[in-house]
Protein backbone atom coordinates (compact mmCIF):
# COMPACT_ATOMS: atom_id res chain seq x y z
CA MET A 1 62.40 162.99 -47.91
CA GLN A 2 61.53 166.63 -47.21
CA GLU A 3 60.94 165.81 -43.55
CA HIS A 4 64.32 164.11 -43.32
CA VAL A 5 66.21 166.94 -45.00
CA THR A 6 64.63 169.60 -42.79
CA ASP A 7 64.81 167.54 -39.57
CA ALA A 8 66.63 169.50 -36.87
CA PHE A 9 68.47 166.43 -35.59
CA VAL A 10 69.58 165.45 -39.12
CA GLN A 11 70.99 168.93 -39.63
CA ARG A 12 72.65 168.88 -36.23
CA ALA A 13 74.22 165.48 -36.92
CA LYS A 14 75.76 166.84 -40.12
CA ARG A 15 77.19 169.84 -38.30
CA GLU A 16 78.58 167.82 -35.41
CA GLY A 17 79.91 164.87 -37.40
CA TYR A 18 77.52 162.13 -36.29
CA ARG A 19 76.44 159.54 -38.82
CA SER A 20 72.78 159.55 -37.89
CA ARG A 21 70.21 161.50 -35.93
CA SER A 22 69.86 158.49 -33.64
CA ALA A 23 73.14 159.50 -31.97
CA TYR A 24 71.15 162.10 -30.06
CA LYS A 25 68.82 159.45 -28.67
CA LEU A 26 71.73 157.73 -26.99
CA LEU A 27 73.38 160.99 -25.95
CA GLU A 28 70.21 162.11 -24.17
CA ILE A 29 69.69 158.82 -22.36
CA ALA A 30 73.38 158.40 -21.53
CA ARG A 31 73.58 161.85 -19.95
CA ARG A 32 70.31 161.52 -18.07
CA ASP A 33 71.06 158.06 -16.70
CA ARG A 34 74.87 158.15 -16.63
CA LEU A 35 75.16 155.08 -18.81
CA LEU A 36 78.61 155.53 -20.30
CA ALA A 37 81.91 156.18 -18.54
CA PRO A 38 85.61 155.90 -19.37
CA GLY A 39 86.97 152.34 -19.45
CA MET A 40 83.66 150.55 -20.03
CA THR A 41 83.19 147.58 -22.34
CA VAL A 42 80.13 148.14 -24.54
CA VAL A 43 78.38 145.97 -27.12
CA ASP A 44 76.27 147.82 -29.70
CA LEU A 45 73.76 145.56 -31.48
CA GLY A 46 72.16 146.89 -34.65
CA ALA A 47 74.90 149.48 -34.95
CA ALA A 48 74.84 150.66 -38.59
CA PRO A 49 75.37 153.35 -39.72
CA GLY A 50 77.31 153.92 -36.51
CA GLY A 51 75.79 156.86 -34.63
CA TRP A 52 75.49 154.99 -31.34
CA SER A 53 78.96 153.48 -31.74
CA GLN A 54 80.40 156.96 -32.23
CA VAL A 55 78.80 158.19 -29.02
CA ALA A 56 79.85 155.10 -27.06
CA ALA A 57 83.46 155.26 -28.28
CA GLU A 58 83.71 158.95 -27.39
CA LEU A 59 82.41 158.41 -23.86
CA VAL A 60 84.30 155.21 -22.94
CA GLY A 61 87.52 156.70 -24.27
CA PRO A 62 90.72 154.90 -25.30
CA GLN A 63 90.71 152.75 -22.17
CA GLY A 64 87.28 151.33 -23.03
CA ARG A 65 86.05 148.92 -25.69
CA VAL A 66 83.14 149.13 -28.11
CA ILE A 67 82.16 146.12 -30.22
CA ALA A 68 79.48 146.80 -32.81
CA VAL A 69 77.37 144.30 -34.77
CA ASP A 70 75.08 144.75 -37.75
CA VAL A 71 73.94 142.80 -40.79
CA LEU A 72 74.67 145.89 -42.90
CA GLU A 73 78.07 147.27 -43.77
CA MET A 74 79.40 150.04 -41.55
CA SER A 75 82.30 152.34 -42.28
CA PRO A 76 85.04 152.15 -39.65
CA VAL A 77 84.60 154.14 -36.45
CA THR A 78 87.67 155.05 -34.44
CA GLY A 79 87.85 152.93 -31.32
CA VAL A 80 85.16 150.47 -32.47
CA THR A 81 85.53 146.82 -33.47
CA PHE A 82 82.88 146.02 -36.06
CA ILE A 83 81.43 142.59 -36.85
CA GLN A 84 79.20 142.34 -39.89
CA GLY A 85 76.64 139.57 -39.70
CA ASP A 86 73.08 138.60 -38.86
CA PHE A 87 72.72 138.46 -35.08
CA ARG A 88 70.12 135.72 -35.50
CA GLU A 89 72.82 133.39 -36.85
CA ALA A 90 75.16 131.38 -34.62
CA ASP A 91 78.25 132.35 -36.62
CA THR A 92 77.73 136.05 -35.88
CA LEU A 93 77.25 135.39 -32.17
CA ASN A 94 80.34 133.18 -32.13
CA ARG A 95 82.44 135.94 -33.71
CA LEU A 96 81.13 138.44 -31.19
CA GLU A 97 81.91 136.16 -28.26
CA SER A 98 85.37 135.47 -29.70
CA ALA A 99 86.03 139.22 -29.91
CA LEU A 100 85.03 139.60 -26.26
CA GLY A 101 87.23 136.76 -25.12
CA ALA A 102 86.85 136.55 -21.35
CA GLN A 103 85.82 140.20 -21.01
CA ALA A 104 82.47 140.76 -19.30
CA VAL A 105 80.29 143.59 -20.66
CA ASP A 106 79.34 146.73 -18.74
CA LEU A 107 76.59 147.87 -21.12
CA VAL A 108 74.58 146.22 -23.88
CA LEU A 109 72.96 148.56 -26.39
CA SER A 110 70.37 147.20 -28.79
CA ASP A 111 68.89 149.47 -31.44
CA MET A 112 68.03 146.47 -33.61
CA ALA A 113 64.86 146.63 -35.67
CA PRO A 114 63.45 144.31 -38.36
CA ASN A 115 62.87 145.30 -41.95
CA ILE A 116 59.31 146.63 -41.85
CA SER A 117 56.90 144.65 -44.02
CA GLY A 118 53.81 146.68 -43.15
CA ILE A 119 52.14 143.58 -41.71
CA ARG A 120 51.72 144.63 -38.09
CA MET A 121 51.68 141.20 -36.44
CA ALA A 122 54.64 139.93 -38.47
CA ASP A 123 56.69 143.05 -37.78
CA GLN A 124 55.99 142.84 -34.05
CA ALA A 125 56.98 139.17 -34.02
CA ARG A 126 60.29 139.94 -35.73
CA ALA A 127 60.99 142.80 -33.33
CA ALA A 128 60.25 140.53 -30.37
CA GLU A 129 62.63 137.89 -31.76
CA LEU A 130 65.47 140.40 -31.96
CA ALA A 131 64.72 141.65 -28.45
CA GLU A 132 64.78 138.11 -27.12
CA LEU A 133 68.15 137.42 -28.73
CA ALA A 134 69.57 140.62 -27.26
CA LEU A 135 68.27 139.63 -23.82
CA GLN A 136 69.80 136.17 -24.11
CA PHE A 137 73.15 137.70 -24.98
CA ALA A 138 72.94 140.13 -22.06
CA ALA A 139 72.00 137.32 -19.68
CA LYS A 140 75.21 135.52 -20.58
CA TRP A 141 77.70 138.35 -20.98
CA LEU A 142 76.50 141.34 -18.96
CA LYS A 143 78.29 141.58 -15.63
CA PRO A 144 76.27 141.79 -12.41
CA GLY A 145 75.29 145.41 -11.90
CA GLY A 146 75.64 146.11 -15.63
CA ASN A 147 73.03 147.92 -17.70
CA MET A 148 71.08 147.32 -20.91
CA LEU A 149 69.29 149.71 -23.26
CA LEU A 150 66.86 147.96 -25.57
CA LYS A 151 64.67 149.36 -28.34
CA MET A 152 61.16 147.97 -28.47
CA PHE A 153 57.97 148.83 -30.32
CA GLN A 154 54.71 149.17 -28.46
CA GLY A 155 52.50 146.23 -29.35
CA THR A 156 51.57 142.70 -28.35
CA ALA A 157 55.09 141.61 -27.35
CA PHE A 158 56.02 144.75 -25.45
CA GLY A 159 54.59 143.68 -22.10
CA GLU A 160 56.29 140.30 -22.21
CA VAL A 161 59.72 141.78 -23.00
CA ARG A 162 59.29 144.45 -20.34
CA GLU A 163 58.41 141.82 -17.74
CA GLN A 164 61.44 139.72 -18.66
CA MET A 165 63.69 142.73 -18.19
CA ARG A 166 61.99 143.56 -14.90
CA ARG A 167 62.95 140.10 -13.61
CA ASN A 168 66.56 140.50 -14.72
CA PHE A 169 67.42 144.00 -13.51
CA ARG A 170 67.24 145.86 -10.23
CA GLN A 171 65.44 148.77 -11.90
CA LEU A 172 63.53 149.10 -15.17
CA LEU A 173 62.90 152.47 -16.78
CA THR A 174 61.26 153.56 -20.03
CA ARG A 175 62.71 156.31 -22.17
CA LYS A 176 61.37 158.21 -25.19
CA PRO A 177 64.18 160.59 -26.18
CA GLU A 178 63.48 163.87 -27.93
CA ALA A 179 65.12 162.65 -31.12
CA SER A 180 62.60 159.79 -31.37
CA ARG A 181 59.89 160.96 -33.76
CA ASP A 182 56.47 161.41 -32.17
CA ARG A 183 54.74 159.17 -34.68
CA SER A 184 57.14 156.30 -34.03
CA SER A 185 55.97 153.56 -31.67
CA GLU A 186 59.56 152.89 -30.60
CA ILE A 187 60.36 153.11 -26.92
CA TYR A 188 63.55 152.29 -25.08
CA LEU A 189 63.65 149.98 -22.09
CA LEU A 190 66.54 150.67 -19.75
CA GLY A 191 67.50 147.91 -17.37
CA ARG A 192 69.80 149.10 -14.60
CA GLY A 193 71.76 146.78 -12.33
CA ARG A 194 71.68 143.29 -13.78
CA LEU A 195 70.81 140.79 -11.08
CA ARG A 196 72.81 137.64 -10.43
CA ASN A 197 71.75 134.18 -11.58
CA THR A 198 69.51 135.43 -14.36
CA ARG A 199 70.64 133.57 -17.47
CA ALA A 200 67.77 132.96 -19.86
CA ASP A 201 68.51 129.21 -19.96
CA GLY A 202 68.53 128.94 -16.17
CA ALA A 203 72.25 128.28 -15.92
CA GLU A 204 74.50 130.49 -13.87
CA SER A 205 76.40 133.15 -15.76
CA PRO A 206 80.20 132.93 -15.49
CA TYR A 207 80.14 136.59 -14.41
CA ASN A 208 77.98 136.12 -11.31
């Protein structure tokens, strides 16, 4: 608790009106890699409490769209459509796809993480499951040339997820933003330039 209260990014978030210190992770990556621009359509998976959604909405502006999903409640964010539900369940995915309509996505953000049990193998398996679901969604809805930012944890499944992204994007980068605590094993995989014909099920995406 003391670490959290005295954390420089926590204090900065309070001063600048962001809901979480994680907003600065996305801000750093977005500025470095030019991820967000006015008019984009963005999907934010694992959005609560809304720090990433705030950043995305600010940078895509009123001409853009941000659709956020989380199993937890999230207070409204101006310019963001929020869907509460478990992304592992078909109903949540159906509501997300309904909200998108026929709109292809420019950027998929996934900051999803499982509830940590402390059992290393189980936690890694749950994290890998969420990553796989995010990749399946991106394979269907991300337009050719679009980008994806995915949180992963270093461990047994990391190499497999990284290789899958390498096959699906023109360029794959790893990012460890300053706001990510040193002791955390989290790392962000940034896929730039989604390739055509890369749906996870082998079928052709309607956006190719």
